[in-house]
């Protein structure tokens, strides 16, 4: 990751019968506090939410830990097919709590360097 700052974009979308938290970028040591804060705030205000991780490029153990903490409030977790995120959640055993839903087209593992 040398040469580029980790970027994390978080967008809460209130839809007709659900709330969706759209996450884009990296969830790592630099961005984890913001991710945890927004996830916790959104989970506290809404009984069930959809977490859209299709735009996430990297998730570290700090991000997976936040998912475990709020798993009871997640109606669905969306991941891109063949993504490192889908693999990381599988390895971490997250599917024992909630099965991630694969959506969209396969994406490259990392964006090209700037």
N, C-alpha and C. Protein backbone atom coordinates (compact mmCIF):
# COMPACT_ATOMS: atom_id res chain seq x y z
N UNK A 1 0.81 -1.18 0.00
CA UNK A 1 0.00 0.00 0.00
C UNK A 1 0.85 1.25 0.00
N UNK A 2 2.15 1.09 -0.14
CA UNK A 2 3.03 2.25 -0.16
C UNK A 2 2.67 3.16 -1.32
N UNK A 3 2.74 4.46 -1.06
CA UNK A 3 2.49 5.41 -2.12
C UNK A 3 1.05 5.89 -2.24
N UNK A 4 0.12 5.31 -1.50
CA UNK A 4 -1.25 5.81 -1.57
C UNK A 4 -1.89 5.74 -0.19
N UNK A 5 -2.67 6.73 0.10
CA UNK A 5 -3.39 6.78 1.37
C UNK A 5 -4.60 5.85 1.30
N UNK A 6 -4.86 5.12 2.39
CA UNK A 6 -6.08 4.32 2.42
C UNK A 6 -7.30 5.23 2.34
N UNK A 7 -8.25 4.84 1.55
CA UNK A 7 -9.47 5.63 1.36
C UNK A 7 -10.66 4.77 1.79
N UNK A 8 -11.58 5.38 2.50
CA UNK A 8 -12.79 4.70 2.90
C UNK A 8 -13.96 5.64 2.71
N UNK A 9 -14.93 5.23 1.91
CA UNK A 9 -16.16 6.00 1.73
C UNK A 9 -17.31 5.19 2.30
N UNK A 10 -18.11 5.84 3.15
CA UNK A 10 -19.25 5.21 3.80
C UNK A 10 -20.50 6.02 3.49
N UNK A 11 -21.51 5.36 2.95
CA UNK A 11 -22.75 6.04 2.58
C UNK A 11 -23.94 5.25 3.14
N UNK A 12 -24.79 5.92 3.90
CA UNK A 12 -26.00 5.29 4.41
C UNK A 12 -27.14 5.64 3.46
N UNK A 13 -27.78 4.62 2.90
CA UNK A 13 -28.89 4.82 1.97
C UNK A 13 -30.16 4.25 2.59
N UNK A 14 -31.11 5.12 2.85
CA UNK A 14 -32.39 4.67 3.38
C UNK A 14 -33.29 4.34 2.21
N UNK A 15 -33.62 3.06 2.09
CA UNK A 15 -34.46 2.59 0.99
C UNK A 15 -35.84 2.27 1.54
N UNK A 16 -36.76 1.86 0.69
CA UNK A 16 -38.15 1.67 1.09
C UNK A 16 -38.32 0.79 2.32
N UNK A 17 -37.77 -0.41 2.32
CA UNK A 17 -37.99 -1.33 3.43
C UNK A 17 -36.70 -1.74 4.13
N UNK A 18 -35.64 -0.98 3.88
CA UNK A 18 -34.38 -1.33 4.50
C UNK A 18 -33.42 -0.14 4.47
N UNK A 19 -32.35 -0.29 5.20
CA UNK A 19 -31.26 0.68 5.20
C UNK A 19 -30.02 -0.06 4.72
N UNK A 20 -29.29 0.59 3.84
CA UNK A 20 -28.09 -0.03 3.29
C UNK A 20 -26.89 0.86 3.59
N UNK A 21 -25.86 0.25 4.17
CA UNK A 21 -24.60 0.94 4.40
C UNK A 21 -23.63 0.49 3.30
N UNK A 22 -23.29 1.41 2.42
CA UNK A 22 -22.40 1.12 1.29
C UNK A 22 -20.99 1.52 1.69
N UNK A 23 -20.07 0.56 1.58
CA UNK A 23 -18.68 0.77 1.98
C UNK A 23 -17.80 0.60 0.75
N UNK A 24 -16.89 1.56 0.55
CA UNK A 24 -15.96 1.50 -0.58
C UNK A 24 -14.56 1.84 -0.09
N UNK A 25 -13.59 1.08 -0.57
CA UNK A 25 -12.19 1.35 -0.22
C UNK A 25 -11.61 0.28 0.66
N UNK A 26 -10.72 0.70 1.56
CA UNK A 26 -9.99 -0.21 2.45
C UNK A 26 -10.51 -0.08 3.87
N UNK A 27 -10.67 -1.22 4.54
CA UNK A 27 -10.97 -1.23 5.97
C UNK A 27 -9.73 -1.82 6.63
N UNK A 28 -8.87 -0.93 7.13
CA UNK A 28 -7.60 -1.34 7.71
C UNK A 28 -7.37 -0.57 9.01
N UNK A 29 -6.17 -0.62 9.54
CA UNK A 29 -5.88 0.07 10.80
C UNK A 29 -6.12 1.56 10.72
N UNK A 30 -5.89 2.16 9.57
CA UNK A 30 -6.05 3.60 9.41
C UNK A 30 -7.53 3.99 9.36
N UNK A 31 -8.36 3.19 8.72
CA UNK A 31 -9.77 3.55 8.50
C UNK A 31 -10.75 2.82 9.43
N UNK A 32 -10.26 1.88 10.21
CA UNK A 32 -11.15 1.03 11.02
C UNK A 32 -12.00 1.81 12.02
N UNK A 33 -11.44 2.84 12.65
CA UNK A 33 -12.21 3.58 13.65
C UNK A 33 -13.43 4.24 13.03
N UNK A 34 -13.27 4.82 11.85
CA UNK A 34 -14.40 5.44 11.18
C UNK A 34 -15.43 4.38 10.77
N UNK A 35 -14.98 3.24 10.25
CA UNK A 35 -15.88 2.16 9.88
C UNK A 35 -16.67 1.67 11.09
N UNK A 36 -15.97 1.42 12.19
CA UNK A 36 -16.65 0.95 13.41
C UNK A 36 -17.68 1.97 13.89
N UNK A 37 -17.32 3.25 13.86
CA UNK A 37 -18.24 4.29 14.34
C UNK A 37 -19.50 4.36 13.49
N UNK A 38 -19.35 4.39 12.16
CA UNK A 38 -20.51 4.49 11.28
C UNK A 38 -21.35 3.21 11.34
N UNK A 39 -20.70 2.06 11.38
CA UNK A 39 -21.44 0.79 11.49
C UNK A 39 -22.22 0.74 12.80
N UNK A 40 -21.58 1.12 13.90
CA UNK A 40 -22.26 1.10 15.20
C UNK A 40 -23.42 2.09 15.24
N UNK A 41 -23.23 3.30 14.73
CA UNK A 41 -24.30 4.31 14.71
C UNK A 41 -25.47 3.84 13.85
N UNK A 42 -25.17 3.29 12.69
CA UNK A 42 -26.23 2.82 11.80
C UNK A 42 -26.97 1.64 12.40
N UNK A 43 -26.22 0.71 12.99
CA UNK A 43 -26.84 -0.46 13.62
C UNK A 43 -27.70 -0.07 14.81
N UNK A 44 -27.29 0.95 15.54
CA UNK A 44 -28.06 1.39 16.71
C UNK A 44 -29.38 2.05 16.31
N UNK A 45 -29.41 2.69 15.16
CA UNK A 45 -30.62 3.39 14.71
C UNK A 45 -31.57 2.53 13.90
N UNK A 46 -31.09 1.39 13.40
CA UNK A 46 -31.92 0.56 12.53
C UNK A 46 -31.85 -0.89 12.97
N UNK A 47 -33.02 -1.50 13.03
CA UNK A 47 -33.10 -2.86 13.53
C UNK A 47 -32.31 -3.85 12.67
N UNK A 48 -32.44 -3.75 11.37
CA UNK A 48 -31.74 -4.64 10.44
C UNK A 48 -31.19 -3.80 9.31
N UNK A 49 -29.95 -4.05 8.93
CA UNK A 49 -29.40 -3.29 7.83
C UNK A 49 -28.66 -4.20 6.86
N UNK A 50 -28.54 -3.73 5.64
CA UNK A 50 -27.79 -4.42 4.60
C UNK A 50 -26.44 -3.73 4.50
N UNK A 51 -25.39 -4.52 4.61
CA UNK A 51 -24.04 -4.00 4.51
C UNK A 51 -23.48 -4.36 3.14
N UNK A 52 -23.23 -3.36 2.34
CA UNK A 52 -22.75 -3.55 0.96
C UNK A 52 -21.24 -3.37 0.93
N UNK A 53 -20.53 -4.49 0.83
CA UNK A 53 -19.07 -4.48 0.79
C UNK A 53 -18.54 -4.71 -0.62
N UNK A 54 -19.39 -4.57 -1.63
CA UNK A 54 -18.95 -4.85 -3.00
C UNK A 54 -17.86 -3.90 -3.48
N UNK A 55 -17.75 -2.73 -2.86
CA UNK A 55 -16.73 -1.77 -3.25
C UNK A 55 -15.50 -1.78 -2.35
N UNK A 56 -15.43 -2.75 -1.44
CA UNK A 56 -14.28 -2.84 -0.53
C UNK A 56 -13.16 -3.61 -1.22
N UNK A 57 -11.96 -3.05 -1.15
CA UNK A 57 -10.79 -3.65 -1.78
C UNK A 57 -10.02 -4.51 -0.79
N UNK A 58 -9.96 -4.07 0.47
CA UNK A 58 -9.22 -4.78 1.51
C UNK A 58 -9.98 -4.68 2.81
N UNK A 59 -10.00 -5.79 3.57
CA UNK A 59 -10.55 -5.77 4.93
C UNK A 59 -9.58 -6.51 5.84
N UNK A 60 -9.16 -5.82 6.89
CA UNK A 60 -8.26 -6.43 7.86
C UNK A 60 -9.04 -7.02 9.02
N UNK A 61 -8.32 -7.60 9.95
CA UNK A 61 -8.97 -8.23 11.10
C UNK A 61 -9.78 -7.24 11.92
N UNK A 62 -9.37 -5.97 11.93
CA UNK A 62 -10.14 -4.96 12.67
C UNK A 62 -11.51 -4.75 12.05
N UNK A 63 -11.61 -4.84 10.74
CA UNK A 63 -12.90 -4.71 10.06
C UNK A 63 -13.78 -5.93 10.28
N UNK A 64 -13.17 -7.10 10.22
CA UNK A 64 -13.92 -8.34 10.46
C UNK A 64 -14.43 -8.37 11.89
N UNK A 65 -13.63 -7.90 12.83
CA UNK A 65 -14.05 -7.83 14.23
C UNK A 65 -15.30 -6.95 14.38
N UNK A 66 -15.34 -5.82 13.68
CA UNK A 66 -16.51 -4.94 13.73
C UNK A 66 -17.74 -5.64 13.16
N UNK A 67 -17.56 -6.43 12.11
CA UNK A 67 -18.69 -7.17 11.54
C UNK A 67 -19.23 -8.17 12.54
N UNK A 68 -18.35 -8.89 13.22
CA UNK A 68 -18.80 -9.84 14.24
C UNK A 68 -19.58 -9.13 15.34
N UNK A 69 -19.10 -7.98 15.76
CA UNK A 69 -19.75 -7.24 16.85
C UNK A 69 -21.20 -6.87 16.50
N UNK A 70 -21.48 -6.60 15.22
CA UNK A 70 -22.81 -6.14 14.81
C UNK A 70 -23.55 -7.15 13.94
N UNK A 71 -23.10 -8.39 13.90
CA UNK A 71 -23.70 -9.40 13.03
C UNK A 71 -25.18 -9.60 13.30
N UNK A 72 -25.61 -9.44 14.54
CA UNK A 72 -27.01 -9.65 14.87
C UNK A 72 -27.93 -8.59 14.26
N UNK A 73 -27.36 -7.47 13.81
CA UNK A 73 -28.16 -6.40 13.20
C UNK A 73 -28.11 -6.42 11.67
N UNK A 74 -27.34 -7.34 11.10
CA UNK A 74 -27.17 -7.38 9.65
C UNK A 74 -28.19 -8.31 9.01
N UNK A 75 -29.01 -7.76 8.12
CA UNK A 75 -29.96 -8.57 7.36
C UNK A 75 -29.25 -9.27 6.22
N UNK A 76 -28.21 -8.63 5.68
CA UNK A 76 -27.43 -9.20 4.58
C UNK A 76 -26.09 -8.51 4.49
N UNK A 77 -25.11 -9.24 3.98
CA UNK A 77 -23.79 -8.68 3.67
C UNK A 77 -23.54 -9.00 2.20
N UNK A 78 -23.35 -7.96 1.40
CA UNK A 78 -23.15 -8.12 -0.03
C UNK A 78 -21.66 -8.04 -0.34
N UNK A 79 -21.16 -8.99 -1.14
CA UNK A 79 -19.75 -9.01 -1.53
C UNK A 79 -19.67 -9.25 -3.03
N UNK A 80 -18.56 -8.80 -3.63
CA UNK A 80 -18.34 -9.01 -5.06
C UNK A 80 -17.84 -10.44 -5.28
N UNK A 81 -18.25 -11.05 -6.40
CA UNK A 81 -17.81 -12.42 -6.68
C UNK A 81 -16.30 -12.51 -6.85
N UNK A 82 -15.71 -13.52 -6.25
CA UNK A 82 -14.28 -13.73 -6.38
C UNK A 82 -13.41 -12.70 -5.68
N UNK A 83 -14.01 -11.88 -4.85
CA UNK A 83 -13.25 -10.80 -4.20
C UNK A 83 -12.45 -11.33 -3.01
N UNK A 84 -11.42 -10.58 -2.67
CA UNK A 84 -10.65 -10.90 -1.46
C UNK A 84 -11.52 -10.78 -0.22
N UNK A 85 -12.53 -9.93 -0.29
CA UNK A 85 -13.42 -9.73 0.86
C UNK A 85 -14.24 -10.99 1.11
N UNK A 86 -14.79 -11.57 0.05
CA UNK A 86 -15.55 -12.82 0.18
C UNK A 86 -14.66 -13.90 0.77
N UNK A 87 -13.43 -13.98 0.30
CA UNK A 87 -12.48 -14.98 0.80
C UNK A 87 -12.13 -14.72 2.26
N UNK A 88 -11.85 -13.48 2.62
CA UNK A 88 -11.49 -13.15 4.01
C UNK A 88 -12.62 -13.49 4.97
N UNK A 89 -13.87 -13.18 4.58
CA UNK A 89 -15.02 -13.50 5.44
C UNK A 89 -15.19 -15.00 5.58
N UNK A 90 -14.94 -15.73 4.51
CA UNK A 90 -15.03 -17.18 4.56
C UNK A 90 -13.97 -17.76 5.50
N UNK A 91 -12.75 -17.31 5.36
CA UNK A 91 -11.65 -17.80 6.21
C UNK A 91 -11.92 -17.47 7.67
N UNK A 92 -12.49 -16.30 7.94
CA UNK A 92 -12.75 -15.86 9.31
C UNK A 92 -13.97 -16.55 9.92
N UNK A 93 -14.67 -17.38 9.14
CA UNK A 93 -15.83 -18.10 9.65
C UNK A 93 -17.08 -17.25 9.78
N UNK A 94 -17.09 -16.10 9.14
CA UNK A 94 -18.23 -15.19 9.26
C UNK A 94 -19.53 -15.81 8.75
N UNK A 95 -19.41 -16.72 7.78
CA UNK A 95 -20.61 -17.34 7.20
C UNK A 95 -21.35 -18.23 8.21
N UNK A 96 -20.72 -18.53 9.35
CA UNK A 96 -21.44 -19.27 10.38
C UNK A 96 -22.48 -18.39 11.05
N UNK A 97 -22.30 -17.07 10.97
CA UNK A 97 -23.27 -16.13 11.53
C UNK A 97 -24.25 -15.64 10.48
N UNK A 98 -23.72 -15.26 9.33
CA UNK A 98 -24.55 -14.78 8.23
C UNK A 98 -23.83 -15.10 6.93
N UNK A 99 -24.53 -15.67 6.00
CA UNK A 99 -23.93 -16.05 4.72
C UNK A 99 -23.85 -14.82 3.82
N UNK A 100 -22.62 -14.38 3.45
CA UNK A 100 -22.52 -13.25 2.53
C UNK A 100 -23.18 -13.56 1.19
N UNK A 101 -23.83 -12.56 0.61
CA UNK A 101 -24.49 -12.69 -0.69
C UNK A 101 -23.57 -12.13 -1.76
N UNK A 102 -23.29 -12.95 -2.77
CA UNK A 102 -22.41 -12.53 -3.86
C UNK A 102 -23.26 -11.82 -4.90
N UNK A 103 -22.86 -10.59 -5.25
CA UNK A 103 -23.60 -9.79 -6.23
C UNK A 103 -22.64 -9.11 -7.19
N UNK A 104 -23.11 -8.82 -8.38
CA UNK A 104 -22.33 -8.03 -9.34
C UNK A 104 -21.35 -8.85 -10.15
N UNK A 105 -20.52 -8.12 -10.84
CA UNK A 105 -19.52 -8.71 -11.72
C UNK A 105 -18.21 -8.89 -10.95
N UNK A 106 -17.42 -9.90 -11.32
CA UNK A 106 -16.10 -10.03 -10.68
C UNK A 106 -15.29 -8.76 -10.91
N UNK A 107 -14.50 -8.39 -9.91
CA UNK A 107 -13.68 -7.20 -10.03
C UNK A 107 -12.23 -7.57 -9.82
N UNK A 108 -11.35 -6.70 -10.25
CA UNK A 108 -9.92 -6.95 -10.03
C UNK A 108 -9.64 -6.86 -8.54
N UNK A 109 -8.59 -7.49 -8.11
CA UNK A 109 -8.27 -7.55 -6.69
C UNK A 109 -7.77 -6.22 -6.15
N UNK A 110 -7.10 -5.47 -6.92
CA UNK A 110 -6.58 -4.17 -6.51
C UNK A 110 -6.68 -3.20 -7.67
N UNK A 111 -7.02 -1.97 -7.39
CA UNK A 111 -7.03 -1.00 -8.48
C UNK A 111 -5.61 -0.78 -8.98
N UNK A 112 -5.45 -0.41 -10.24
CA UNK A 112 -4.10 -0.16 -10.74
C UNK A 112 -3.46 0.99 -10.00
N UNK A 113 -2.12 0.97 -9.84
CA UNK A 113 -1.45 2.06 -9.12
C UNK A 113 -1.66 3.39 -9.82
N UNK A 114 -1.75 4.44 -9.03
CA UNK A 114 -1.99 5.78 -9.57
C UNK A 114 -0.73 6.37 -10.17
